[in-house]
Amino acid sequence: MYAKVPVAKYLEIDQEADTDRSRVRYNDIASSLEESGNPVRFIGIDADTDENGSTIATPILQTKSIAVSRALSDFEVLTNSNGGPVSGVDRIPTALHGYLKAVCDEESIIYSSDADITQLFKLIRERHPKFQTYPSGVDGINILRGFARIVDALNSVWNHHSMAHPNEALIGEPEASLTANAVKTLLHYLDAKLR
């Protein structure tokens, strides 16, 4: 049995996949189908990342952080609502912040309890073993420094022009899409680099 679902639904299902309740539910589905003459060898699910060609697919990250999965799921739900990317753009920094903390924790990189995204990203670039070498001819350090400047600049957007706070002057839709796509690109890269 196989289903391809929107990214938001995939993230929601993924978040609950390893719970006892879900195991029972999936076993019940398989048993019911088998009793009706349709045996199930596996139950699989995939994220439909081709939902909207104008945006970068929300990454399916290799992390056990519920906060990260929930923030990405919330982003998808809010972005696909009537409010568009402006409504969900504040969830993207939450996902990135949680993801960077999880990476630091997994690699035993020490950080202060109030470390922001920029500080965590710098620690990972400087201390994580997988960021110490890059393929020949690729100036990975400068590329990541460029992304660090982008992330740092976006802090103002999130704090003063998003729904993270009761701001009156909200970011425009094109800028909200740019913001979300930039961070999703960075998350895709980090997740691939750290595998």
N, C-alpha and C. Protein backbone atom coordinates (compact mmCIF):
# COMPACT_ATOMS: atom_id res chain seq x y z
N MET A 1 0.85 -1.14 0.00
CA MET A 1 0.00 0.00 0.00
C MET A 1 0.91 1.23 0.00
N TYR A 2 0.63 2.19 -0.90
CA TYR A 2 1.49 3.34 -1.08
C TYR A 2 0.64 4.58 -1.28
N ALA A 3 1.10 5.68 -0.71
CA ALA A 3 0.40 6.96 -0.91
C ALA A 3 1.43 8.07 -1.05
N LYS A 4 1.12 9.02 -1.92
CA LYS A 4 1.93 10.22 -2.06
C LYS A 4 1.06 11.37 -1.57
N VAL A 5 1.53 12.05 -0.53
CA VAL A 5 0.71 13.07 0.12
C VAL A 5 1.44 14.41 0.13
N PRO A 6 0.71 15.51 0.32
CA PRO A 6 1.36 16.81 0.43
C PRO A 6 2.39 16.81 1.56
N VAL A 7 3.40 17.66 1.43
CA VAL A 7 4.49 17.70 2.41
C VAL A 7 3.97 17.91 3.82
N ALA A 8 3.00 18.80 4.00
CA ALA A 8 2.47 19.06 5.34
C ALA A 8 1.89 17.80 5.96
N LYS A 9 1.14 17.02 5.18
CA LYS A 9 0.57 15.77 5.69
C LYS A 9 1.66 14.75 5.96
N TYR A 10 2.67 14.69 5.08
CA TYR A 10 3.78 13.77 5.28
C TYR A 10 4.49 14.08 6.60
N LEU A 11 4.76 15.35 6.84
CA LEU A 11 5.44 15.72 8.09
C LEU A 11 4.60 15.37 9.31
N GLU A 12 3.29 15.55 9.19
CA GLU A 12 2.38 15.20 10.29
C GLU A 12 2.42 13.70 10.55
N ILE A 13 2.35 12.90 9.49
CA ILE A 13 2.39 11.44 9.64
C ILE A 13 3.74 10.99 10.16
N ASP A 14 4.82 11.60 9.62
CA ASP A 14 6.18 11.24 10.04
C ASP A 14 6.38 11.50 11.53
N GLN A 15 5.81 12.59 12.00
CA GLN A 15 5.95 12.95 13.41
C GLN A 15 5.33 11.90 14.33
N GLU A 16 4.26 11.25 13.87
CA GLU A 16 3.56 10.27 14.69
C GLU A 16 3.91 8.82 14.34
N ALA A 17 4.76 8.61 13.34
CA ALA A 17 4.99 7.27 12.79
C ALA A 17 5.50 6.26 13.81
N ASP A 18 6.35 6.67 14.73
CA ASP A 18 6.96 5.73 15.66
C ASP A 18 6.22 5.59 16.98
N THR A 19 5.01 6.06 17.04
CA THR A 19 4.24 5.94 18.28
C THR A 19 3.53 4.59 18.31
N ASP A 20 3.23 4.12 19.49
CA ASP A 20 2.50 2.85 19.63
C ASP A 20 1.13 2.94 18.96
N ARG A 21 0.49 4.09 19.09
CA ARG A 21 -0.83 4.29 18.50
C ARG A 21 -0.79 4.10 16.98
N SER A 22 0.25 4.65 16.35
CA SER A 22 0.36 4.51 14.90
C SER A 22 0.67 3.08 14.49
N ARG A 23 1.51 2.40 15.25
CA ARG A 23 1.82 1.00 14.93
C ARG A 23 0.55 0.15 14.95
N VAL A 24 -0.26 0.36 15.97
CA VAL A 24 -1.53 -0.38 16.07
C VAL A 24 -2.43 -0.03 14.89
N ARG A 25 -2.52 1.26 14.56
CA ARG A 25 -3.37 1.72 13.46
C ARG A 25 -2.94 1.07 12.14
N TYR A 26 -1.63 1.07 11.85
CA TYR A 26 -1.15 0.51 10.59
C TYR A 26 -1.31 -1.01 10.56
N ASN A 27 -1.13 -1.68 11.69
CA ASN A 27 -1.38 -3.12 11.74
C ASN A 27 -2.85 -3.43 11.50
N ASP A 28 -3.74 -2.62 12.07
CA ASP A 28 -5.17 -2.80 11.86
C ASP A 28 -5.54 -2.63 10.39
N ILE A 29 -4.95 -1.63 9.74
CA ILE A 29 -5.22 -1.41 8.31
C ILE A 29 -4.77 -2.63 7.50
N ALA A 30 -3.55 -3.09 7.77
CA ALA A 30 -3.02 -4.25 7.04
C ALA A 30 -3.87 -5.49 7.29
N SER A 31 -4.29 -5.71 8.54
CA SER A 31 -5.12 -6.88 8.87
C SER A 31 -6.47 -6.81 8.15
N SER A 32 -7.09 -5.65 8.15
CA SER A 32 -8.39 -5.49 7.48
C SER A 32 -8.29 -5.75 5.99
N LEU A 33 -7.24 -5.23 5.38
CA LEU A 33 -7.07 -5.45 3.95
C LEU A 33 -6.80 -6.93 3.64
N GLU A 34 -6.01 -7.58 4.50
CA GLU A 34 -5.71 -8.99 4.30
C GLU A 34 -6.98 -9.83 4.42
N GLU A 35 -7.83 -9.50 5.39
CA GLU A 35 -9.09 -10.23 5.59
C GLU A 35 -10.02 -10.08 4.39
N SER A 36 -9.91 -8.94 3.69
CA SER A 36 -10.77 -8.72 2.52
C SER A 36 -10.15 -9.26 1.23
N GLY A 37 -9.04 -10.00 1.36
CA GLY A 37 -8.43 -10.62 0.19
C GLY A 37 -7.39 -9.75 -0.50
N ASN A 38 -6.96 -8.69 0.14
CA ASN A 38 -5.94 -7.80 -0.42
C ASN A 38 -4.75 -7.71 0.54
N PRO A 39 -3.90 -8.75 0.55
CA PRO A 39 -2.78 -8.73 1.49
C PRO A 39 -1.83 -7.57 1.22
N VAL A 40 -1.28 -7.03 2.30
CA VAL A 40 -0.38 -5.89 2.22
C VAL A 40 1.01 -6.33 2.67
N ARG A 41 1.99 -6.13 1.79
CA ARG A 41 3.37 -6.47 2.15
C ARG A 41 4.04 -5.31 2.87
N PHE A 42 3.69 -4.09 2.51
CA PHE A 42 4.26 -2.92 3.17
C PHE A 42 3.29 -1.76 3.05
N ILE A 43 3.44 -0.82 3.94
CA ILE A 43 2.70 0.43 3.86
C ILE A 43 3.74 1.52 3.71
N GLY A 44 3.70 2.23 2.59
CA GLY A 44 4.69 3.27 2.31
C GLY A 44 4.02 4.60 2.03
N ILE A 45 4.76 5.65 2.33
CA ILE A 45 4.26 6.99 2.09
C ILE A 45 5.40 7.85 1.59
N ASP A 46 5.08 8.75 0.70
CA ASP A 46 6.07 9.64 0.12
C ASP A 46 5.53 11.06 0.13
N ALA A 47 6.43 12.02 0.21
CA ALA A 47 6.03 13.43 0.18
C ALA A 47 5.94 13.89 -1.27
N ASP A 48 4.85 14.56 -1.60
CA ASP A 48 4.67 15.13 -2.93
C ASP A 48 5.34 16.50 -2.93
N THR A 49 6.58 16.54 -3.42
CA THR A 49 7.33 17.79 -3.41
C THR A 49 7.09 18.62 -4.66
N ASP A 50 6.22 18.18 -5.54
CA ASP A 50 5.92 18.93 -6.76
C ASP A 50 4.62 19.71 -6.64
N GLU A 51 4.25 20.05 -5.41
CA GLU A 51 2.97 20.73 -5.20
C GLU A 51 2.92 22.10 -5.85
N ASN A 52 4.05 22.83 -5.79
CA ASN A 52 4.05 24.18 -6.29
C ASN A 52 5.43 24.43 -6.89
N GLY A 53 5.50 24.54 -8.19
CA GLY A 53 6.77 24.69 -8.86
C GLY A 53 7.50 25.99 -8.54
N SER A 54 6.83 26.98 -7.95
CA SER A 54 7.47 28.26 -7.68
C SER A 54 8.18 28.29 -6.33
N THR A 55 8.06 27.23 -5.57
CA THR A 55 8.74 27.20 -4.28
C THR A 55 9.65 25.98 -4.18
N ILE A 56 10.62 26.11 -3.33
CA ILE A 56 11.52 25.00 -3.06
C ILE A 56 10.81 24.07 -2.09
N ALA A 57 10.89 22.78 -2.34
CA ALA A 57 10.20 21.81 -1.50
C ALA A 57 10.68 21.92 -0.05
N THR A 58 9.74 21.79 0.86
CA THR A 58 10.10 21.77 2.27
C THR A 58 10.86 20.48 2.53
N PRO A 59 12.05 20.59 3.13
CA PRO A 59 12.87 19.39 3.30
C PRO A 59 12.30 18.41 4.31
N ILE A 60 12.56 17.15 4.07
CA ILE A 60 12.27 16.09 5.02
C ILE A 60 13.61 15.81 5.71
N LEU A 61 13.79 16.37 6.88
CA LEU A 61 15.09 16.36 7.55
C LEU A 61 15.31 15.09 8.37
N GLN A 62 16.58 14.71 8.46
CA GLN A 62 16.98 13.57 9.28
C GLN A 62 17.19 14.07 10.71
N THR A 63 16.12 14.34 11.41
CA THR A 63 16.20 14.80 12.79
C THR A 63 15.06 14.20 13.58
N LYS A 64 15.29 14.01 14.86
CA LYS A 64 14.24 13.49 15.73
C LYS A 64 13.55 14.61 16.49
N SER A 65 13.92 15.85 16.18
CA SER A 65 13.35 17.00 16.88
C SER A 65 11.88 17.19 16.49
N ILE A 66 11.02 17.06 17.46
CA ILE A 66 9.58 17.28 17.23
C ILE A 66 9.33 18.74 16.90
N ALA A 67 10.08 19.65 17.54
CA ALA A 67 9.90 21.08 17.29
C ALA A 67 10.20 21.41 15.82
N VAL A 68 11.24 20.81 15.26
CA VAL A 68 11.60 21.07 13.87
C VAL A 68 10.53 20.53 12.93
N SER A 69 10.12 19.29 13.14
CA SER A 69 9.07 18.69 12.29
C SER A 69 7.78 19.48 12.38
N ARG A 70 7.42 19.87 13.58
CA ARG A 70 6.17 20.62 13.78
C ARG A 70 6.23 21.99 13.13
N ALA A 71 7.39 22.69 13.25
CA ALA A 71 7.53 24.01 12.64
C ALA A 71 7.41 23.92 11.12
N LEU A 72 8.03 22.89 10.52
CA LEU A 72 7.93 22.72 9.07
C LEU A 72 6.51 22.37 8.64
N SER A 73 5.86 21.52 9.42
CA SER A 73 4.47 21.16 9.13
C SER A 73 3.57 22.39 9.23
N ASP A 74 3.75 23.17 10.29
CA ASP A 74 2.96 24.40 10.46
C ASP A 74 3.20 25.36 9.30
N PHE A 75 4.47 25.47 8.89
CA PHE A 75 4.78 26.35 7.75
C PHE A 75 3.97 25.94 6.53
N GLU A 76 3.96 24.64 6.22
CA GLU A 76 3.23 24.16 5.05
C GLU A 76 1.73 24.45 5.16
N VAL A 77 1.18 24.18 6.32
CA VAL A 77 -0.26 24.40 6.51
C VAL A 77 -0.60 25.88 6.37
N LEU A 78 0.16 26.73 7.04
CA LEU A 78 -0.11 28.17 6.99
C LEU A 78 0.14 28.75 5.61
N THR A 79 1.18 28.29 4.95
CA THR A 79 1.51 28.80 3.62
C THR A 79 0.46 28.40 2.60
N ASN A 80 -0.11 27.22 2.77
CA ASN A 80 -1.13 26.75 1.84
C ASN A 80 -2.52 27.24 2.21
N SER A 81 -2.62 28.05 3.25
CA SER A 81 -3.90 28.65 3.62
C SER A 81 -4.07 29.95 2.84
N ASN A 82 -5.13 30.66 3.12
CA ASN A 82 -5.39 31.91 2.41
C ASN A 82 -4.32 32.97 2.66
N GLY A 83 -3.59 32.87 3.77
CA GLY A 83 -2.58 33.87 4.09
C GLY A 83 -1.30 33.75 3.30
N GLY A 84 -1.09 32.62 2.65
CA GLY A 84 0.10 32.43 1.84
C GLY A 84 1.38 32.42 2.66
N PRO A 85 2.52 32.61 2.00
CA PRO A 85 3.81 32.51 2.69
C PRO A 85 3.99 33.53 3.81
N VAL A 86 3.30 34.65 3.75
CA VAL A 86 3.41 35.65 4.82
C VAL A 86 2.94 35.06 6.14
N SER A 87 1.92 34.22 6.11
CA SER A 87 1.38 33.62 7.32
C SER A 87 2.30 32.59 7.95
N GLY A 88 3.12 31.93 7.14
CA GLY A 88 3.94 30.85 7.66
C GLY A 88 5.42 31.13 7.77
N VAL A 89 5.87 32.30 7.28
CA VAL A 89 7.30 32.56 7.20
C VAL A 89 7.98 32.58 8.57
N ASP A 90 7.25 32.86 9.62
CA ASP A 90 7.88 32.89 10.95
C ASP A 90 8.21 31.48 11.46
N ARG A 91 7.63 30.43 10.86
CA ARG A 91 7.93 29.07 11.31
C ARG A 91 9.27 28.56 10.77
N ILE A 92 9.72 29.13 9.66
CA ILE A 92 10.97 28.68 9.05
C ILE A 92 12.17 28.93 9.96
N PRO A 93 12.32 30.11 10.58
CA PRO A 93 13.46 30.29 11.49
C PRO A 93 13.38 29.38 12.70
N THR A 94 12.17 29.07 13.14
CA THR A 94 12.00 28.14 14.26
C THR A 94 12.55 26.78 13.88
N ALA A 95 12.22 26.32 12.67
CA ALA A 95 12.73 25.03 12.19
C ALA A 95 14.25 25.06 12.07
N LEU A 96 14.79 26.13 11.50
CA LEU A 96 16.24 26.22 11.33
C LEU A 96 16.94 26.27 12.69
N HIS A 97 16.41 27.06 13.61
CA HIS A 97 17.00 27.17 14.95
C HIS A 97 17.01 25.82 15.65
N GLY A 98 15.89 25.13 15.62
CA GLY A 98 15.81 23.80 16.24
C GLY A 98 16.73 22.80 15.58
N TYR A 99 16.82 22.86 14.25
CA TYR A 99 17.68 21.94 13.52
C TYR A 99 19.15 22.17 13.88
N LEU A 100 19.56 23.43 13.93
CA LEU A 100 20.95 23.75 14.26
C LEU A 100 21.29 23.31 15.68
N LYS A 101 20.35 23.48 16.61
CA LYS A 101 20.58 23.02 17.98
C LYS A 101 20.74 21.49 18.00
N ALA A 102 19.89 20.80 17.26
CA ALA A 102 19.96 19.33 17.22
C ALA A 102 21.30 18.87 16.64
N VAL A 103 21.78 19.54 15.61
CA VAL A 103 23.08 19.20 15.01
C VAL A 103 24.19 19.40 16.04
N CYS A 104 24.16 20.54 16.74
CA CYS A 104 25.17 20.79 17.77
C CYS A 104 25.11 19.72 18.87
N ASP A 105 23.91 19.38 19.30
CA ASP A 105 23.76 18.36 20.35
C ASP A 105 24.31 17.01 19.90
N GLU A 106 24.00 16.61 18.67
CA GLU A 106 24.46 15.32 18.15
C GLU A 106 25.98 15.25 18.04
N GLU A 107 26.60 16.38 17.77
CA GLU A 107 28.06 16.41 17.58
C GLU A 107 28.78 16.90 18.84
N SER A 108 28.02 17.09 19.93
CA SER A 108 28.57 17.58 21.21
C SER A 108 29.29 18.92 21.05
N ILE A 109 28.72 19.79 20.23
CA ILE A 109 29.23 21.15 20.09
C ILE A 109 28.54 22.00 21.15
N ILE A 110 29.31 22.58 22.03
CA ILE A 110 28.76 23.34 23.16
C ILE A 110 28.35 24.73 22.68
N TYR A 111 27.16 25.15 23.12
CA TYR A 111 26.64 26.48 22.78
C TYR A 111 25.90 27.03 23.99
N SER A 112 25.77 28.35 24.03
CA SER A 112 25.08 28.97 25.16
C SER A 112 23.58 28.75 25.02
N SER A 113 22.88 28.79 26.13
CA SER A 113 21.44 28.51 26.13
C SER A 113 20.65 29.54 25.32
N ASP A 114 21.21 30.73 25.14
CA ASP A 114 20.51 31.77 24.37
C ASP A 114 21.11 31.97 22.97
N ALA A 115 21.85 30.97 22.49
CA ALA A 115 22.48 31.08 21.16
C ALA A 115 21.41 31.23 20.08
N ASP A 116 21.61 32.22 19.21
CA ASP A 116 20.66 32.41 18.12
C ASP A 116 21.11 31.64 16.88
N ILE A 117 20.36 31.75 15.82
CA ILE A 117 20.62 31.00 14.59
C ILE A 117 22.01 31.31 14.04
N THR A 118 22.36 32.58 14.02
CA THR A 118 23.65 32.99 13.47
C THR A 118 24.81 32.39 14.26
N GLN A 119 24.71 32.41 15.57
CA GLN A 119 25.77 31.85 16.42
C GLN A 119 25.89 30.34 16.24
N LEU A 120 24.75 29.64 16.21
CA LEU A 120 24.77 28.19 16.03
C LEU A 120 25.34 27.79 14.67
N PHE A 121 24.94 28.53 13.64
CA PHE A 121 25.42 28.24 12.29
C PHE A 121 26.94 28.42 12.22
N LYS A 122 27.45 29.45 12.87
CA LYS A 122 28.89 29.70 12.90
C LYS A 122 29.63 28.56 13.63
N LEU A 123 29.07 28.13 14.76
CA LEU A 123 29.69 27.03 15.51
C LEU A 123 29.77 25.76 14.66
N ILE A 124 28.70 25.47 13.95
CA ILE A 124 28.67 24.27 13.11
C ILE A 124 29.70 24.38 11.99
N ARG A 125 29.76 25.53 11.34
CA ARG A 125 30.74 25.73 10.25
C ARG A 125 32.17 25.58 10.76
N GLU A 126 32.41 26.07 11.96
CA GLU A 126 33.77 26.06 12.49
C GLU A 126 34.16 24.74 13.17
N ARG A 127 33.20 24.04 13.77
CA ARG A 127 33.55 22.90 14.61
C ARG A 127 33.08 21.54 14.13
N HIS A 128 32.08 21.49 13.26
CA HIS A 128 31.58 20.19 12.82
C HIS A 128 32.58 19.58 11.85
N PRO A 129 32.98 18.32 12.06
CA PRO A 129 33.99 17.70 11.20
C PRO A 129 33.62 17.67 9.71
N LYS A 130 32.34 17.56 9.40
CA LYS A 130 31.93 17.46 8.00
C LYS A 130 32.04 18.80 7.26
N PHE A 131 32.27 19.88 7.99
CA PHE A 131 32.41 21.19 7.36
C PHE A 131 33.87 21.65 7.31
N GLN A 132 34.79 20.73 7.52
CA GLN A 132 36.20 21.11 7.51
C GLN A 132 36.85 20.94 6.13
N THR A 133 36.20 20.19 5.25
CA THR A 133 36.73 20.01 3.89
C THR A 133 35.60 20.15 2.88
N TYR A 134 36.00 20.59 1.68
CA TYR A 134 35.06 20.76 0.58
C TYR A 134 35.71 20.20 -0.68
N PRO A 135 34.91 19.82 -1.67
CA PRO A 135 35.48 19.32 -2.92
C PRO A 135 36.42 20.35 -3.55
N SER A 136 37.41 19.88 -4.25
CA SER A 136 38.36 20.75 -4.93
C SER A 136 37.63 21.73 -5.85
N GLY A 137 38.02 22.98 -5.78
CA GLY A 137 37.42 24.01 -6.64
C GLY A 137 36.14 24.60 -6.10
N VAL A 138 35.66 24.13 -4.97
CA VAL A 138 34.43 24.66 -4.37
C VAL A 138 34.82 25.50 -3.15
N ASP A 139 34.46 26.76 -3.17
CA ASP A 139 34.77 27.65 -2.06
C ASP A 139 33.62 27.58 -1.04
N GLY A 140 33.50 26.41 -0.41
CA GLY A 140 32.40 26.15 0.52
C GLY A 140 32.35 27.12 1.67
N ILE A 141 33.50 27.54 2.17
CA ILE A 141 33.52 28.46 3.31
C ILE A 141 32.86 29.78 2.95
N ASN A 142 33.20 30.34 1.78
CA ASN A 142 32.59 31.62 1.40
C ASN A 142 31.12 31.48 1.05
N ILE A 143 30.74 30.35 0.47
CA ILE A 143 29.32 30.12 0.19
C ILE A 143 28.53 30.10 1.49
N LEU A 144 29.03 29.37 2.49
CA LEU A 144 28.33 29.29 3.77
C LEU A 144 28.36 30.62 4.51
N ARG A 145 29.44 31.38 4.38
CA ARG A 145 29.46 32.73 4.97
C ARG A 145 28.40 33.61 4.34
N GLY A 146 28.21 33.46 3.03
CA GLY A 146 27.15 34.20 2.34
C GLY A 146 25.78 33.84 2.89
N PHE A 147 25.54 32.55 3.10
CA PHE A 147 24.27 32.13 3.69
C PHE A 147 24.13 32.66 5.12
N ALA A 148 25.25 32.70 5.84
CA ALA A 148 25.21 33.23 7.22
C ALA A 148 24.77 34.69 7.20
N ARG A 149 25.26 35.46 6.23
CA ARG A 149 24.84 36.88 6.14
C ARG A 149 23.35 36.97 5.81
N ILE A 150 22.88 36.07 4.96
CA ILE A 150 21.45 36.07 4.62
C ILE A 150 20.63 35.75 5.87
N VAL A 151 21.01 34.70 6.58
CA VAL A 151 20.27 34.30 7.78
C VAL A 151 20.28 35.43 8.81
N ASP A 152 21.43 36.07 8.99
CA ASP A 152 21.54 37.17 9.94
C ASP A 152 20.62 38.32 9.53
N ALA A 153 20.59 38.64 8.25
CA ALA A 153 19.73 39.73 7.76
C ALA A 153 18.25 39.39 7.92
N LEU A 154 17.92 38.11 7.84
CA LEU A 154 16.52 37.71 7.94
C LEU A 154 15.99 37.79 9.38
N ASN A 155 16.87 37.84 10.36
CA ASN A 155 16.41 37.98 11.75
C ASN A 155 15.52 39.20 11.91
N SER A 156 15.87 40.30 11.26
CA SER A 156 15.06 41.52 11.33
C SER A 156 13.68 41.29 10.72
N VAL A 157 13.66 40.57 9.60
CA VAL A 157 12.38 40.28 8.95
C VAL A 157 11.50 39.49 9.90
N TRP A 158 12.05 38.43 10.50
CA TRP A 158 11.26 37.57 11.37
C TRP A 158 10.78 38.31 12.61
N ASN A 159 11.63 39.15 13.17
CA ASN A 159 11.26 39.84 14.40
C ASN A 159 10.38 41.06 14.19
N HIS A 160 10.50 41.72 13.03
CA HIS A 160 9.80 42.99 12.85
C HIS A 160 8.80 43.02 11.70
N HIS A 161 8.75 41.95 10.88
CA HIS A 161 7.85 41.98 9.72
C HIS A 161 7.14 40.65 9.48
N SER A 162 7.03 39.82 10.50
CA SER A 162 6.33 38.54 10.34
C SER A 162 5.29 38.40 11.45
N MET A 163 4.57 37.30 11.40
CA MET A 163 3.54 37.04 12.40
C MET A 163 4.12 36.47 13.70
N ALA A 164 5.46 36.43 13.80
CA ALA A 164 6.09 35.96 15.03
C ALA A 164 5.77 36.90 16.19
N HIS A 165 5.52 38.16 15.85
CA HIS A 165 5.16 39.18 16.84
C HIS A 165 4.00 39.99 16.25
N PRO A 166 3.30 40.77 17.06
CA PRO A 166 2.17 41.55 16.53
C PRO A 166 2.66 42.76 15.72
N ASN A 167 3.29 42.49 14.59
CA ASN A 167 3.82 43.55 13.73
C ASN A 167 2.75 44.06 12.79
N GLU A 168 2.72 45.35 12.60
CA GLU A 168 1.76 45.96 11.68
C GLU A 168 2.27 45.94 10.24
N ALA A 169 3.57 46.15 10.06
CA ALA A 169 4.16 46.17 8.71
C ALA A 169 4.72 44.79 8.39
N LEU A 170 3.89 43.96 7.75
CA LEU A 170 4.30 42.60 7.43
C LEU A 170 5.09 42.56 6.13
N ILE A 171 5.92 41.56 6.02
CA ILE A 171 6.72 41.31 4.82
C ILE A 171 5.77 41.08 3.64
N GLY A 172 6.21 41.46 2.44
CA GLY A 172 5.42 41.21 1.24
C GLY A 172 5.48 39.74 0.85
N GLU A 173 4.53 39.30 0.05
CA GLU A 173 4.49 37.89 -0.34
C GLU A 173 5.74 37.45 -1.12
N PRO A 174 6.24 38.26 -2.09
CA PRO A 174 7.46 37.82 -2.79
C PRO A 174 8.65 37.68 -1.84
N GLU A 175 8.76 38.61 -0.88
CA GLU A 175 9.87 38.56 0.07
C GLU A 175 9.70 37.39 1.04
N ALA A 176 8.46 37.09 1.42
CA ALA A 176 8.21 35.94 2.30
C ALA A 176 8.62 34.65 1.59
N SER A 177 8.30 34.55 0.29
CA SER A 177 8.70 33.37 -0.48
C SER A 177 10.22 33.29 -0.60
N LEU A 178 10.86 34.42 -0.86
CA LEU A 178 12.32 34.45 -0.95
C LEU A 178 12.95 34.00 0.37
N THR A 179 12.43 34.52 1.48
CA THR A 179 12.93 34.16 2.80
C THR A 179 12.80 32.66 3.05
N ALA A 180 11.61 32.14 2.84
CA ALA A 180 11.36 30.72 3.08
C ALA A 180 12.21 29.86 2.16
N ASN A 181 12.30 30.23 0.88
CA ASN A 181 13.08 29.43 -0.06
C ASN A 181 14.57 29.44 0.27
N ALA A 182 15.09 30.58 0.71
CA ALA A 182 16.51 30.66 1.08
C ALA A 182 16.81 29.72 2.25
N VAL A 183 15.95 29.75 3.26
CA VAL A 183 16.19 28.90 4.43
C VAL A 183 15.97 27.43 4.09
N LYS A 184 14.96 27.13 3.28
CA LYS A 184 14.74 25.73 2.89
C LYS A 184 15.92 25.21 2.08
N THR A 185 16.50 26.05 1.22
CA THR A 185 17.69 25.66 0.47
C THR A 185 18.83 25.33 1.42
N LEU A 186 19.03 26.17 2.42
CA LEU A 186 20.08 25.94 3.41
C LEU A 186 19.82 24.64 4.17
N LEU A 187 18.58 24.40 4.58
CA LEU A 187 18.24 23.16 5.29
C LEU A 187 18.49 21.93 4.43
N HIS A 188 18.12 22.00 3.14
CA HIS A 188 18.40 20.88 2.23
C HIS A 188 19.90 20.60 2.19
N TYR A 189 20.69 21.67 2.04
CA TYR A 189 22.14 21.49 1.97
C TYR A 189 22.71 20.89 3.26
N LEU A 190 22.33 21.47 4.39
CA LEU A 190 22.86 20.99 5.67
C LEU A 190 22.51 19.52 5.89
N ASP A 191 21.26 19.16 5.60
CA ASP A 191 20.84 17.78 5.83
C ASP A 191 21.62 16.82 4.93
N ALA A 192 21.86 17.21 3.67
CA ALA A 192 22.62 16.36 2.77
C ALA A 192 24.08 16.27 3.19
N LYS A 193 24.66 17.37 3.60
CA LYS A 193 26.06 17.41 4.01
C LYS A 193 26.30 16.58 5.27
N LEU A 194 25.32 16.55 6.15
CA LEU A 194 25.50 15.89 7.45
C LEU A 194 25.12 14.41 7.45
N ARG A 195 24.60 13.90 6.37
CA ARG A 195 24.23 12.48 6.31
C ARG A 195 25.45 11.60 6.29
